[in-house]
């Protein structure tokens, strides 16, 4: 749902002064041309207003920026496969993986270990994606309005992430418990799944790029004039399918974060089926991951106010990362422990668990403090004191 349809929804306080409006109306096209451009209206002039922000200068040269993008494009996909191979087939030994590439050459070595996408992998990915998309659309949830966009639009969401998270885990465990689906199959086809995600997500990002040109969802879109940057950074801030299906919520939250939880449980089940028991190290690892992800979905509406959603556009940088990077690298500790159980002992296991929970709480409290600071315009109290702030101006164009 978009408010309304994320089009032409200016903030009430952003009105054009009468004189400025008259000057604009006198130009060719007048107010009609401005409406078509869907540009936010300037705020009324104020004698006491703060001086304009200083001129923005980039921290790096354009060549450095391009080099960074090319590096991520070229290195991230093979890194995902190399990580899987190292953890699953090389006993976690980077040296063994290096020796493999050294002996065969980088290209031939990559070709030898890179699994091809299979039908089974495609079915697993498609089934999971469709299930999560259905939950995102159909489950009830409270209406939540995100922050005002640079173009004056207000995105509207349905906050049902925690419910979708609970339904996903209960369904997944029930399918295993009643013998309908064995999650160990996911682990057995993990390399093929990652390979399919690497290529499939690139196609998905290409579709987002085309959609941004052909059918943008709102006025918070547009091209930089450089196709490479547009594909990397994204064309749209809030791309949607129809009025109610937010693509970034799906890629970042319902696929990326949800797959993290599902894979954490999968590794636990796989180790149990292999050894007849689950090591305490795997239990601690899975517990901490699920606690963190539970915190995320409990706080999901807060995430919709962060830079990932309110600033970063939907392109390779964030969408490919959430679709591929999160389910591969973020889950790698559990992936390794499947074949390498470590017996910590009760004292060490409990100590690591408590330390991890404390770190998760600190992470949550930092996010809470930041949001409270923004909500109260800096007038909040943090640990009994007034918070300090750093003045920083971020250009909208």
Protein backbone atom coordinates (compact mmCIF):
# COMPACT_ATOMS: atom_id res chain seq x y z
CA UNK A 1 0.00 0.00 0.00
CA UNK A 2 1.32 3.42 -0.92
CA UNK A 3 0.12 6.70 0.49
CA UNK A 4 -1.52 7.28 -1.93
CA UNK A 5 0.19 4.96 -4.42
CA UNK A 6 3.40 6.81 -3.47
CA UNK A 7 2.56 9.50 -6.04
CA UNK A 8 2.18 13.24 -5.60
CA UNK A 9 1.92 12.93 -1.82
CA UNK A 10 3.63 16.05 -0.55
CA UNK A 11 4.22 16.67 3.12
CA UNK A 12 1.67 19.20 4.44
CA UNK A 13 4.41 21.55 5.60
CA UNK A 14 6.09 21.67 2.19
CA UNK A 15 4.03 24.37 0.48
CA UNK A 16 5.22 26.93 -2.06
CA UNK A 17 5.09 30.61 -1.06
CA UNK A 18 2.48 32.59 -3.08
CA UNK A 19 5.05 34.75 -4.90
CA UNK A 20 7.17 31.75 -5.86
CA UNK A 21 4.05 29.88 -7.01
CA UNK A 22 2.99 32.84 -9.17
CA UNK A 23 6.41 32.99 -10.81
CA UNK A 24 6.30 29.26 -11.56
CA UNK A 25 2.79 29.45 -12.97
CA UNK A 26 3.90 32.17 -15.36
CA UNK A 27 6.51 29.89 -16.95
CA UNK A 28 5.68 27.63 -19.91
CA UNK A 29 3.56 24.80 -18.60
CA UNK A 30 3.08 26.52 -15.26
CA UNK A 31 1.78 24.47 -12.35
CA UNK A 32 0.73 21.67 -14.70
CA UNK A 33 4.34 21.08 -15.78
CA UNK A 34 5.47 21.07 -12.18
CA UNK A 35 2.86 18.52 -11.23
CA UNK A 36 4.01 16.21 -14.03
CA UNK A 37 7.60 16.46 -12.80
CA UNK A 38 6.37 15.46 -9.32
CA UNK A 39 9.00 17.57 -7.55
CA UNK A 40 8.56 18.39 -3.86
CA UNK A 41 7.56 21.98 -3.18
CA UNK A 42 10.05 24.24 -1.36
CA UNK A 43 9.30 25.14 2.23
CA UNK A 44 8.13 28.70 3.01
CA UNK A 45 10.88 31.24 3.44
CA UNK A 46 11.76 31.91 7.06
CA UNK A 47 13.86 34.82 8.23
CA UNK A 48 15.16 32.76 11.14
CA UNK A 49 15.93 29.70 9.03
CA UNK A 50 19.36 28.14 9.24
CA UNK A 51 21.87 29.03 6.51
CA UNK A 52 22.02 26.70 3.52
CA UNK A 53 24.26 23.66 3.92
CA UNK A 54 27.80 23.87 2.57
CA UNK A 55 28.54 22.65 -0.93
CA UNK A 56 28.80 18.87 -0.99
CA UNK A 57 32.04 17.29 -2.17
CA UNK A 58 32.59 13.59 -2.71
CA UNK A 59 35.11 11.91 -0.47
CA UNK A 60 36.66 9.90 -3.31
CA UNK A 61 37.45 10.41 -6.95
CA UNK A 62 35.08 9.00 -9.60
CA UNK A 63 37.73 6.44 -10.52
CA UNK A 64 37.77 5.13 -6.96
CA UNK A 65 33.97 4.90 -6.98
CA UNK A 66 33.93 2.96 -10.24
CA UNK A 67 36.73 0.69 -9.05
CA UNK A 68 34.75 -0.10 -5.88
CA UNK A 69 31.63 -1.00 -7.86
CA UNK A 70 33.52 -3.14 -10.35
CA UNK A 71 35.27 -4.93 -7.47
CA UNK A 72 31.96 -5.83 -5.82
CA UNK A 73 30.47 -6.91 -9.16
CA UNK A 74 33.35 -9.22 -10.00
CA UNK A 75 34.43 -10.57 -6.60
CA UNK A 76 31.22 -11.06 -4.60
CA UNK A 77 29.62 -13.80 -6.78
CA UNK A 78 32.71 -16.06 -6.85
CA UNK A 79 33.35 -15.35 -3.16
CA UNK A 80 29.97 -16.86 -2.28
CA UNK A 81 30.85 -20.10 -4.08
CA UNK A 82 34.40 -20.14 -2.70
CA UNK A 83 33.07 -19.68 0.83
CA UNK A 84 30.63 -22.57 0.41
CA UNK A 85 33.36 -24.80 -1.05
CA UNK A 86 35.83 -23.89 1.70
CA UNK A 87 33.37 -24.52 4.53
CA UNK A 88 31.68 -27.66 3.17
CA UNK A 89 34.36 -29.40 1.08
CA UNK A 90 37.69 -28.06 2.36
CA UNK A 91 36.98 -28.41 6.12
CA UNK A 92 37.06 -24.65 6.48
CA UNK A 93 40.68 -24.49 5.31
CA UNK A 94 41.44 -21.39 3.27
CA UNK A 95 44.87 -22.89 2.52
CA UNK A 96 43.30 -25.93 0.83
CA UNK A 97 41.09 -23.72 -1.32
CA UNK A 98 44.09 -21.58 -2.24
CA UNK A 99 46.08 -24.67 -3.21
CA UNK A 100 43.21 -25.84 -5.39
CA UNK A 101 43.12 -22.53 -7.26
CA UNK A 102 46.89 -22.34 -7.47
CA UNK A 103 47.29 -25.82 -8.93
CA UNK A 104 44.50 -25.46 -11.52
CA UNK A 105 44.55 -21.75 -12.14
CA UNK A 106 41.91 -19.32 -10.92
CA UNK A 107 39.46 -19.69 -13.80
CA UNK A 108 39.78 -23.46 -14.17
CA UNK A 109 39.74 -23.90 -10.41
CA UNK A 110 36.55 -21.86 -10.09
CA UNK A 111 34.98 -23.76 -12.96
CA UNK A 112 35.80 -27.08 -11.27
CA UNK A 113 34.15 -26.20 -7.95
CA UNK A 114 31.27 -24.02 -9.20
CA UNK A 115 28.09 -26.13 -9.12
CA UNK A 116 25.52 -25.63 -11.83
CA UNK A 117 21.98 -24.60 -10.84
CA UNK A 118 19.59 -27.55 -10.81
CA UNK A 119 15.86 -28.07 -11.00
CA UNK A 120 15.79 -29.11 -7.35
CA UNK A 121 17.55 -25.89 -6.32
CA UNK A 122 15.15 -23.85 -8.45
CA UNK A 123 12.12 -25.52 -6.87
CA UNK A 124 13.43 -24.87 -3.35
CA UNK A 125 14.12 -21.19 -4.08
CA UNK A 126 10.85 -20.61 -5.93
CA UNK A 127 8.77 -22.41 -3.31
CA UNK A 128 10.33 -20.41 -0.49
CA UNK A 129 10.01 -17.11 -2.36
CA UNK A 130 6.35 -17.67 -3.23
CA UNK A 131 5.53 -18.73 0.34
CA UNK A 132 7.15 -15.61 1.80
CA UNK A 133 5.51 -13.36 -0.80
CA UNK A 134 2.11 -14.83 0.08
CA UNK A 135 2.71 -14.24 3.79
CA UNK A 136 3.78 -10.67 3.11
CA UNK A 137 0.56 -9.97 1.22
CA UNK A 138 -2.00 -12.03 3.12
CA UNK A 139 -1.09 -11.95 6.82
CA UNK A 140 -2.72 -9.17 8.85
CA UNK A 141 -0.66 -6.33 10.25
CA UNK A 142 -0.85 -2.78 11.52
CA UNK A 143 -0.48 0.12 9.11
CA UNK A 144 2.92 1.80 9.40
CA UNK A 145 4.04 4.98 7.65
CA UNK A 146 7.71 5.30 6.80
CA UNK A 147 9.70 8.54 6.76
CA UNK A 148 8.96 11.20 4.16
CA UNK A 149 10.99 10.61 1.03
CA UNK A 150 13.10 13.23 -0.77
CA UNK A 151 10.23 13.69 -3.26
CA UNK A 152 7.71 14.17 -0.47
CA UNK A 153 6.16 10.68 -0.62
CA UNK A 154 5.17 8.67 2.44
CA UNK A 155 5.51 4.89 2.02
CA UNK A 156 2.90 2.82 3.82
CA UNK A 157 3.64 -0.72 5.02
CA UNK A 158 1.78 -3.58 6.64
CA UNK A 159 3.74 -4.57 9.75
CA UNK A 160 3.31 -8.35 9.78
CA UNK A 161 6.95 -9.43 9.78
CA UNK A 162 6.98 -11.04 13.22
CA UNK A 163 3.88 -13.05 12.39
CA UNK A 164 5.37 -14.13 9.05
CA UNK A 165 8.56 -15.15 10.87
CA UNK A 166 6.62 -17.31 13.34
CA UNK A 167 4.50 -18.89 10.61
CA UNK A 168 7.61 -19.65 8.55
CA UNK A 169 9.49 -21.42 11.35
CA UNK A 170 6.43 -23.35 12.56
CA UNK A 171 5.63 -24.46 9.02
CA UNK A 172 9.22 -25.47 8.28
CA UNK A 173 9.59 -27.49 11.48
CA UNK A 174 6.16 -29.07 11.01
CA UNK A 175 7.04 -30.22 7.49
CA UNK A 176 10.13 -31.92 8.92
CA UNK A 177 8.40 -33.35 12.01
CA UNK A 178 5.58 -34.95 10.02
CA UNK A 179 7.92 -36.27 7.33
CA UNK A 180 6.54 -34.10 4.52
CA UNK A 181 9.83 -32.38 3.68
CA UNK A 182 13.34 -33.08 4.91
CA UNK A 183 15.32 -29.84 5.45
CA UNK A 184 18.54 -31.83 5.04
CA UNK A 185 17.81 -31.71 1.29
CA UNK A 186 18.44 -27.97 1.41
CA UNK A 187 21.91 -28.53 2.84
CA UNK A 188 22.67 -31.29 0.35
CA UNK A 189 21.85 -28.94 -2.55
CA UNK A 190 23.30 -25.81 -0.93
CA UNK A 191 25.96 -25.17 -3.57
CA UNK A 192 23.41 -25.45 -6.36
CA UNK A 193 21.07 -23.12 -4.47
CA UNK A 194 23.78 -20.50 -4.05
CA UNK A 195 24.73 -20.81 -7.71
CA UNK A 196 21.11 -20.33 -8.77
CA UNK A 197 20.80 -17.34 -6.44
CA UNK A 198 23.97 -15.74 -7.81
CA UNK A 199 22.71 -15.80 -11.40
CA UNK A 200 18.99 -15.47 -10.69
CA UNK A 201 19.48 -12.41 -8.49
CA UNK A 202 21.46 -10.71 -11.24
CA UNK A 203 18.51 -11.24 -13.57
CA UNK A 204 16.20 -9.95 -10.83
CA UNK A 205 18.29 -6.76 -10.50
CA UNK A 206 18.21 -6.33 -14.27
CA UNK A 207 14.39 -6.51 -14.13
CA UNK A 208 14.41 -3.81 -11.44
CA UNK A 209 16.59 -1.66 -13.67
CA UNK A 210 14.20 -2.05 -16.60
CA UNK A 211 11.17 -1.42 -14.38
CA UNK A 212 12.76 1.79 -13.11
CA UNK A 213 12.98 3.03 -16.70
CA UNK A 214 9.65 1.75 -17.97
CA UNK A 215 7.23 1.72 -15.02
CA UNK A 216 8.53 3.43 -11.86
CA UNK A 217 6.28 3.12 -8.83
CA UNK A 218 6.69 6.68 -7.61
CA UNK A 219 8.40 10.01 -8.17
CA UNK A 220 11.29 8.75 -6.00
CA UNK A 221 13.02 7.32 -9.04
CA UNK A 222 15.15 8.33 -11.96
CA UNK A 223 18.39 7.78 -13.78
CA UNK A 224 21.82 9.14 -12.98
CA UNK A 225 22.59 9.15 -16.69
CA UNK A 226 25.00 6.26 -16.24
CA UNK A 227 23.61 2.76 -16.86
CA UNK A 228 26.32 1.10 -14.79
CA UNK A 229 25.60 3.25 -11.72
CA UNK A 230 21.84 2.85 -12.21
CA UNK A 231 22.15 -0.94 -12.19
CA UNK A 232 24.46 -0.93 -9.17
CA UNK A 233 22.69 1.71 -7.08
CA UNK A 234 19.14 1.23 -8.37
CA UNK A 235 16.53 3.26 -10.19
CA UNK A 236 13.75 3.37 -7.57
CA UNK A 237 13.64 4.08 -3.87
CA UNK A 238 10.34 2.28 -3.28
CA UNK A 239 9.68 -0.16 -6.14
CA UNK A 240 6.39 -2.01 -5.83
CA UNK A 241 4.34 -4.54 -7.72
CA UNK A 242 0.85 -3.14 -7.69
CA UNK A 243 -0.06 -1.05 -4.69
CA UNK A 244 0.69 -3.47 -1.87
CA UNK A 245 3.78 -5.57 -2.63
CA UNK A 246 6.93 -3.71 -1.65
CA UNK A 247 9.94 -5.26 -3.39
CA UNK A 248 12.59 -4.03 -0.95
CA UNK A 249 10.66 -5.37 2.03
CA UNK A 250 10.56 -8.71 0.23
CA UNK A 251 14.23 -8.86 -0.75
CA UNK A 252 15.67 -7.43 2.47
CA UNK A 253 13.31 -8.80 5.10
CA UNK A 254 11.12 -11.63 3.87
CA UNK A 255 13.72 -13.39 1.69
CA UNK A 256 17.11 -12.33 3.04
CA UNK A 257 16.53 -12.26 6.78
CA UNK A 258 13.97 -15.08 6.70
CA UNK A 259 16.33 -17.37 4.77
CA UNK A 260 18.98 -16.70 7.43
CA UNK A 261 16.65 -18.13 10.09
CA UNK A 262 15.53 -21.05 7.92
CA UNK A 263 19.10 -22.04 7.07
CA UNK A 264 20.18 -21.79 10.71
CA UNK A 265 17.47 -24.34 11.59
CA UNK A 266 18.42 -26.43 8.55
CA UNK A 267 22.02 -26.83 9.70
CA UNK A 268 20.81 -27.90 13.13
CA UNK A 269 18.55 -30.57 11.64
CA UNK A 270 21.26 -31.79 9.26
CA UNK A 271 23.73 -32.28 12.10
CA UNK A 272 21.10 -34.12 14.12
CA UNK A 273 20.39 -36.50 11.24
CA UNK A 274 24.10 -37.12 10.69
CA UNK A 275 25.18 -37.62 14.30
CA UNK A 276 21.99 -38.39 16.21
CA UNK A 277 22.58 -35.32 18.37
CA UNK A 278 23.20 -31.59 18.11
CA UNK A 279 26.44 -30.25 19.55
CA UNK A 280 26.20 -27.49 22.14
CA UNK A 281 28.21 -25.23 19.82
CA UNK A 282 25.54 -25.62 17.13
CA UNK A 283 22.79 -24.99 19.68
CA UNK A 284 24.46 -21.77 20.87
CA UNK A 285 25.07 -20.63 17.29
CA UNK A 286 21.49 -21.32 16.23
CA UNK A 287 20.01 -19.78 19.38
CA UNK A 288 21.94 -16.54 18.95
CA UNK A 289 21.02 -16.28 15.28
CA UNK A 290 17.34 -16.86 15.98
CA UNK A 291 17.36 -14.38 18.87
CA UNK A 292 18.91 -11.74 16.63
CA UNK A 293 16.48 -12.42 13.78
CA UNK A 294 13.52 -12.43 16.20
CA UNK A 295 14.68 -9.02 17.40
CA UNK A 296 14.88 -7.87 13.80
CA UNK A 297 11.32 -8.85 12.93
CA UNK A 298 9.97 -7.54 16.23
CA UNK A 299 11.62 -4.23 15.30
CA UNK A 300 10.98 -4.50 11.54
CA UNK A 301 9.04 -1.24 11.31
CA UNK A 302 12.09 0.47 12.79
CA UNK A 303 14.22 -1.04 10.05
CA UNK A 304 11.93 0.58 7.49
CA UNK A 305 13.16 3.95 8.81
CA UNK A 306 16.86 3.13 8.34
CA UNK A 307 19.12 4.01 5.41
CA UNK A 308 18.65 0.57 3.84
CA UNK A 309 15.03 1.37 3.08
CA UNK A 310 14.72 5.17 3.29
CA UNK A 311 17.91 6.06 1.40
CA UNK A 312 19.36 3.12 -0.58
CA UNK A 313 17.65 2.46 -3.88
CA UNK A 314 16.72 -1.02 -5.07
CA UNK A 315 19.66 -2.16 -7.17
CA UNK A 316 22.49 -4.67 -7.17
CA UNK A 317 24.08 -3.08 -4.12
CA UNK A 318 21.28 -3.90 -1.71
CA UNK A 319 18.96 -6.37 -3.44
CA UNK A 320 21.62 -8.80 -4.66
CA UNK A 321 23.25 -8.50 -1.26
CA UNK A 322 20.08 -9.47 0.59
CA UNK A 323 19.13 -12.23 -1.83
CA UNK A 324 22.58 -13.86 -2.00
CA UNK A 325 25.07 -12.42 0.49
CA UNK A 326 22.88 -12.74 3.59
CA UNK A 327 21.84 -16.41 3.16
CA UNK A 328 25.42 -17.42 2.26
CA UNK A 329 27.90 -15.47 4.39
CA UNK A 330 25.68 -14.73 7.39
CA UNK A 331 24.86 -18.40 7.85
CA UNK A 332 28.43 -19.69 7.31
CA UNK A 333 29.19 -20.43 11.01
CA UNK A 334 26.35 -22.95 11.16
CA UNK A 335 27.28 -24.26 7.72
CA UNK A 336 30.76 -25.08 9.05
CA UNK A 337 29.54 -26.63 12.30
CA UNK A 338 27.42 -29.21 10.46
CA UNK A 339 30.48 -31.34 9.73
CA UNK A 340 32.71 -29.96 12.49
CA UNK A 341 30.82 -30.10 15.79
CA UNK A 342 32.61 -28.52 18.72
CA UNK A 343 31.83 -29.58 22.28
CA UNK A 344 32.05 -26.46 24.40
CA UNK A 345 30.84 -27.78 27.71
CA UNK A 346 28.04 -26.22 29.77
CA UNK A 347 30.08 -23.41 31.32
CA UNK A 348 31.63 -22.12 28.10
CA UNK A 349 28.41 -22.62 26.11
CA UNK A 350 26.37 -20.60 28.60
CA UNK A 351 29.05 -17.90 28.76
CA UNK A 352 29.10 -17.49 24.98
CA UNK A 353 25.30 -17.50 24.86
CA UNK A 354 25.01 -14.78 27.52
CA UNK A 355 27.73 -12.68 25.88
CA UNK A 356 25.97 -12.99 22.53
CA UNK A 357 22.61 -11.99 24.01
CA UNK A 358 24.26 -8.95 25.59
CA UNK A 359 25.72 -7.93 22.23
CA UNK A 360 22.32 -8.31 20.58
CA UNK A 361 20.76 -6.12 23.26
CA UNK A 362 23.44 -3.45 22.76
CA UNK A 363 22.75 -3.53 19.03
CA UNK A 364 19.03 -3.11 19.66
CA UNK A 365 19.48 -0.32 22.20
CA UNK A 366 21.72 1.65 19.83
CA UNK A 367 19.01 1.47 17.16
CA UNK A 368 16.36 2.42 19.72
CA UNK A 369 18.32 5.43 20.92
CA UNK A 370 18.91 6.65 17.38
CA UNK A 371 15.23 6.40 16.51
CA UNK A 372 14.19 8.10 19.74
CA UNK A 373 16.64 10.91 19.00
CA UNK A 374 15.11 11.41 15.55
CA UNK A 375 11.53 11.17 16.83
CA UNK A 376 12.08 13.86 19.49
CA UNK A 377 14.31 16.04 17.29
CA UNK A 378 17.24 15.58 19.66
CA UNK A 379 15.30 16.24 22.85
CA UNK A 380 15.46 12.67 24.13
CA UNK A 381 17.30 11.50 27.21
CA UNK A 382 19.96 8.80 26.80
CA UNK A 383 21.16 7.23 30.05
CA UNK A 384 19.88 10.26 31.92
CA UNK A 385 21.74 12.79 29.77
CA UNK A 386 20.92 14.93 26.75
CA UNK A 387 22.50 13.31 23.69
CA UNK A 388 25.12 15.10 21.63
CA UNK A 389 24.83 15.33 17.88
CA UNK A 390 26.98 15.87 14.80
CA UNK A 391 25.65 18.24 12.14
CA UNK A 392 25.84 16.59 8.73
CA UNK A 393 24.21 17.65 5.50
CA UNK A 394 23.34 14.94 2.96
CA UNK A 395 22.37 16.26 -0.48
CA UNK A 396 19.17 14.83 -1.94
CA UNK A 397 20.43 15.12 -5.50
